[in-house]
Amino acid sequence: MTYSLLFLPEIEEDSINGYFWYEEKGKGLGEDFLRIFYACSEKIRRNP
């Protein structure tokens, strides 16, 4: 069975804000944050 995972607008906004916060701390950290965020989201989608 295939599941869909949808984010509320607040979650999308928080993830974007998280990206910028981490980028202020160090170049590339925002990218790492989003990569991990979406990797974990994929795990949730596969096994809710």
PDB file of N, CA and C in Angstrom:
ATOM      1  N   MET A   1       0.835  -1.168   0.000  1.00  0.00           N
ATOM      2  CA  MET A   1       0.000   0.000   0.000  1.00  0.00           C
ATOM      3  C   MET A   1       0.889   1.244   0.000  1.00  0.00           C
ATOM      4  N   THR A   2       0.514   2.225  -0.794  1.00  0.00           N
ATOM      5  CA  THR A   2       1.256   3.475  -0.883  1.00  0.00           C
ATOM      6  C   THR A   2       0.518   4.560  -0.114  1.00  0.00           C
ATOM      7  N   TYR A   3       1.253   5.263   0.719  1.00  0.00           N
ATOM      8  CA  TYR A   3       0.684   6.352   1.505  1.00  0.00           C
ATOM      9  C   TYR A   3       1.212   7.680   0.988  1.00  0.00           C
ATOM     10  N   SER A   4       0.444   8.722   1.244  1.00  0.00           N
ATOM     11  CA  SER A   4       0.887  10.082   0.950  1.00  0.00           C
ATOM     12  C   SER A   4       1.108  10.804   2.262  1.00  0.00           C
ATOM     13  N   LEU A   5       2.091  11.653   2.282  1.00  0.00           N
ATOM     14  CA  LEU A   5       2.369  12.467   3.453  1.00  0.00           C
ATOM     15  C   LEU A   5       2.276  13.919   3.017  1.00  0.00           C
ATOM     16  N   LEU A   6       1.331  14.619   3.591  1.00  0.00           N
ATOM     17  CA  LEU A   6       1.136  16.027   3.272  1.00  0.00           C
ATOM     18  C   LEU A   6       1.456  16.862   4.503  1.00  0.00           C
ATOM     19  N   PHE A   7       2.081  17.995   4.280  1.00  0.00           N
ATOM     20  CA  PHE A   7       2.424  18.884   5.374  1.00  0.00           C
ATOM     21  C   PHE A   7       1.477  20.071   5.403  1.00  0.00           C
ATOM     22  N   LEU A   8       1.091  20.455   6.600  1.00  0.00           N
ATOM     23  CA  LEU A   8       0.332  21.681   6.770  1.00  0.00           C
ATOM     24  C   LEU A   8       1.220  22.861   6.388  1.00  0.00           C
ATOM     25  N   PRO A   9       0.626  23.972   5.981  1.00  0.00           N
ATOM     26  CA  PRO A   9       1.445  25.140   5.622  1.00  0.00           C
ATOM     27  C   PRO A   9       2.379  25.579   6.755  1.00  0.00           C
ATOM     28  N   GLU A  10       1.945  25.396   7.999  1.00  0.00           N
ATOM     29  CA  GLU A  10       2.788  25.777   9.133  1.00  0.00           C
ATOM     30  C   GLU A  10       4.069  24.944   9.188  1.00  0.00           C
ATOM     31  N   ILE A  11       3.963  23.672   8.835  1.00  0.00           N
ATOM     32  CA  ILE A  11       5.140  22.800   8.836  1.00  0.00           C
ATOM     33  C   ILE A  11       6.092  23.200   7.719  1.00  0.00           C
ATOM     34  N   GLU A  12       5.552  23.497   6.558  1.00  0.00           N
ATOM     35  CA  GLU A  12       6.401  23.932   5.450  1.00  0.00           C
ATOM     36  C   GLU A  12       7.112  25.235   5.808  1.00  0.00           C
ATOM     37  N   GLU A  13       6.395  26.160   6.436  1.00  0.00           N
ATOM     38  CA  GLU A  13       6.995  27.421   6.846  1.00  0.00           C
ATOM     39  C   GLU A  13       8.086  27.189   7.896  1.00  0.00           C
ATOM     40  N   ASP A  14       7.823  26.306   8.850  1.00  0.00           N
ATOM     41  CA  ASP A  14       8.824  26.004   9.873  1.00  0.00           C
ATOM     42  C   ASP A  14      10.075  25.382   9.269  1.00  0.00           C
ATOM     43  N   SER A  15       9.898  24.506   8.285  1.00  0.00           N
ATOM     44  CA  SER A  15      11.067  23.871   7.686  1.00  0.00           C
ATOM     45  C   SER A  15      11.899  24.889   6.899  1.00  0.00           C
ATOM     46  N   ILE A  16      11.241  25.823   6.240  1.00  0.00           N
ATOM     47  CA  ILE A  16      11.966  26.878   5.523  1.00  0.00           C
ATOM     48  C   ILE A  16      12.697  27.782   6.513  1.00  0.00           C
ATOM     49  N   ASN A  17      12.018  28.137   7.601  1.00  0.00           N
ATOM     50  CA  ASN A  17      12.671  28.948   8.633  1.00  0.00           C
ATOM     51  C   ASN A  17      13.847  28.200   9.251  1.00  0.00           C
ATOM     52  N   GLY A  18      13.688  26.895   9.442  1.00  0.00           N
ATOM     53  CA  GLY A  18      14.783  26.079   9.953  1.00  0.00           C
ATOM     54  C   GLY A  18      15.969  26.089   9.011  1.00  0.00           C
ATOM     55  N   TYR A  19      15.689  26.015   7.730  1.00  0.00           N
ATOM     56  CA  TYR A  19      16.754  26.077   6.728  1.00  0.00           C
ATOM     57  C   TYR A  19      17.563  27.364   6.886  1.00  0.00           C
ATOM     58  N   PHE A  20      16.857  28.498   6.934  1.00  0.00           N
ATOM     59  CA  PHE A  20      17.559  29.776   7.043  1.00  0.00           C
ATOM     60  C   PHE A  20      18.298  29.904   8.372  1.00  0.00           C
ATOM     61  N   TRP A  21      17.730  29.406   9.455  1.00  0.00           N
ATOM     62  CA  TRP A  21      18.380  29.467  10.754  1.00  0.00           C
ATOM     63  C   TRP A  21      19.697  28.699  10.719  1.00  0.00           C
ATOM     64  N   TYR A  22      19.652  27.482  10.172  1.00  0.00           N
ATOM     65  CA  TYR A  22      20.876  26.680  10.094  1.00  0.00           C
ATOM     66  C   TYR A  22      21.894  27.293   9.138  1.00  0.00           C
ATOM     67  N   GLU A  23      21.455  27.888   8.053  1.00  0.00           N
ATOM     68  CA  GLU A  23      22.385  28.528   7.122  1.00  0.00           C
ATOM     69  C   GLU A  23      23.099  29.699   7.778  1.00  0.00           C
ATOM     70  N   GLU A  24      22.419  30.399   8.694  1.00  0.00           N
ATOM     71  CA  GLU A  24      23.079  31.484   9.429  1.00  0.00           C
ATOM     72  C   GLU A  24      24.185  30.944  10.327  1.00  0.00           C
ATOM     73  N   LYS A  25      24.016  29.733  10.824  1.00  0.00           N
ATOM     74  CA  LYS A  25      25.006  29.128  11.715  1.00  0.00           C
ATOM     75  C   LYS A  25      26.228  28.630  10.947  1.00  0.00           C
ATOM     76  N   GLY A  26      26.007  28.217   9.712  1.00  0.00           N
ATOM     77  CA  GLY A  26      27.121  27.726   8.909  1.00  0.00           C
ATOM     78  C   GLY A  26      26.647  27.372   7.514  1.00  0.00           C
ATOM     79  N   LYS A  27      27.444  27.741   6.520  1.00  0.00           N
ATOM     80  CA  LYS A  27      27.071  27.464   5.133  1.00  0.00           C
ATOM     81  C   LYS A  27      26.946  25.957   4.925  1.00  0.00           C
ATOM     82  N   GLY A  28      25.829  25.562   4.359  1.00  0.00           N
ATOM     83  CA  GLY A  28      25.584  24.148   4.079  1.00  0.00           C
ATOM     84  C   GLY A  28      24.770  23.437   5.147  1.00  0.00           C
ATOM     85  N   LEU A  29      24.670  24.030   6.341  1.00  0.00           N
ATOM     86  CA  LEU A  29      23.900  23.372   7.400  1.00  0.00           C
ATOM     87  C   LEU A  29      22.405  23.348   7.083  1.00  0.00           C
ATOM     88  N   GLY A  30      21.921  24.388   6.405  1.00  0.00           N
ATOM     89  CA  GLY A  30      20.512  24.416   6.008  1.00  0.00           C
ATOM     90  C   GLY A  30      20.187  23.294   5.036  1.00  0.00           C
ATOM     91  N   GLU A  31      21.105  23.055   4.109  1.00  0.00           N
ATOM     92  CA  GLU A  31      20.921  21.960   3.152  1.00  0.00           C
ATOM     93  C   GLU A  31      20.899  20.619   3.874  1.00  0.00           C
ATOM     94  N   ASP A  32      21.795  20.457   4.838  1.00  0.00           N
ATOM     95  CA  ASP A  32      21.819  19.220   5.626  1.00  0.00           C
ATOM     96  C   ASP A  32      20.507  19.046   6.388  1.00  0.00           C
ATOM     97  N   PHE A  33      20.024  20.144   6.964  1.00  0.00           N
ATOM     98  CA  PHE A  33      18.768  20.095   7.703  1.00  0.00           C
ATOM     99  C   PHE A  33      17.626  19.606   6.806  1.00  0.00           C
ATOM    100  N   LEU A  34      17.482  20.208   5.626  1.00  0.00           N
ATOM    101  CA  LEU A  34      16.393  19.809   4.729  1.00  0.00           C
ATOM    102  C   LEU A  34      16.562  18.376   4.230  1.00  0.00           C
ATOM    103  N   ARG A  35      17.796  17.978   3.961  1.00  0.00           N
ATOM    104  CA  ARG A  35      18.038  16.613   3.506  1.00  0.00           C
ATOM    105  C   ARG A  35      17.582  15.611   4.566  1.00  0.00           C
ATOM    106  N   ILE A  36      17.936  15.863   5.811  1.00  0.00           N
ATOM    107  CA  ILE A  36      17.543  14.967   6.902  1.00  0.00           C
ATOM    108  C   ILE A  36      16.039  15.041   7.151  1.00  0.00           C
ATOM    109  N   PHE A  37      15.486  16.242   7.105  1.00  0.00           N
ATOM    110  CA  PHE A  37      14.047  16.424   7.298  1.00  0.00           C
ATOM    111  C   PHE A  37      13.254  15.591   6.293  1.00  0.00           C
ATOM    112  N   TYR A  38      13.622  15.690   5.015  1.00  0.00           N
ATOM    113  CA  TYR A  38      12.881  14.958   3.991  1.00  0.00           C
ATOM    114  C   TYR A  38      13.184  13.461   4.019  1.00  0.00           C
ATOM    115  N   ALA A  39      14.366  13.080   4.419  1.00  0.00           N
ATOM    116  CA  ALA A  39      14.675  11.648   4.572  1.00  0.00           C
ATOM    117  C   ALA A  39      13.802  11.051   5.673  1.00  0.00           C
ATOM    118  N   CYS A  40      13.671  11.747   6.771  1.00  0.00           N
ATOM    119  CA  CYS A  40      12.813  11.254   7.866  1.00  0.00           C
ATOM    120  C   CYS A  40      11.353  11.256   7.445  1.00  0.00           C
ATOM    121  N   SER A  41      10.954  12.248   6.685  1.00  0.00           N
ATOM    122  CA  SER A  41       9.575  12.304   6.186  1.00  0.00           C
ATOM    123  C   SER A  41       9.277  11.097   5.305  1.00  0.00           C
ATOM    124  N   GLU A  42      10.255  10.700   4.512  1.00  0.00           N
ATOM    125  CA  GLU A  42      10.082   9.531   3.644  1.00  0.00           C
ATOM    126  C   GLU A  42       9.905   8.271   4.472  1.00  0.00           C
ATOM    127  N   LYS A  43      10.641   8.155   5.562  1.00  0.00           N
ATOM    128  CA  LYS A  43      10.482   6.986   6.453  1.00  0.00           C
ATOM    129  C   LYS A  43       9.080   6.954   7.032  1.00  0.00           C
ATOM    130  N   ILE A  44       8.566   8.103   7.429  1.00  0.00           N
ATOM    131  CA  ILE A  44       7.208   8.175   7.970  1.00  0.00           C
ATOM    132  C   ILE A  44       6.195   7.786   6.892  1.00  0.00           C
ATOM    133  N   ARG A  45       6.413   8.267   5.666  1.00  0.00           N
ATOM    134  CA  ARG A  45       5.482   7.943   4.573  1.00  0.00           C
ATOM    135  C   ARG A  45       5.446   6.440   4.306  1.00  0.00           C
ATOM    136  N   ARG A  46       6.618   5.804   4.361  1.00  0.00           N
ATOM    137  CA  ARG A  46       6.671   4.362   4.092  1.00  0.00           C
ATOM    138  C   ARG A  46       6.090   3.523   5.217  1.00  0.00           C
ATOM    139  N   ASN A  47       6.192   4.020   6.446  1.00  0.00           N
ATOM    140  CA  ASN A  47       5.739   3.227   7.591  1.00  0.00           C
ATOM    141  C   ASN A  47       5.046   4.138   8.612  1.00  0.00           C
ATOM    142  N   PRO A  48       3.801   4.533   8.301  1.00  0.00           N
ATOM    143  CA  PRO A  48       3.105   5.449   9.218  1.00  0.00           C
ATOM    144  C   PRO A  48       2.718   4.729  10.485  1.00  0.00           C
TER     145      PRO A  48
END
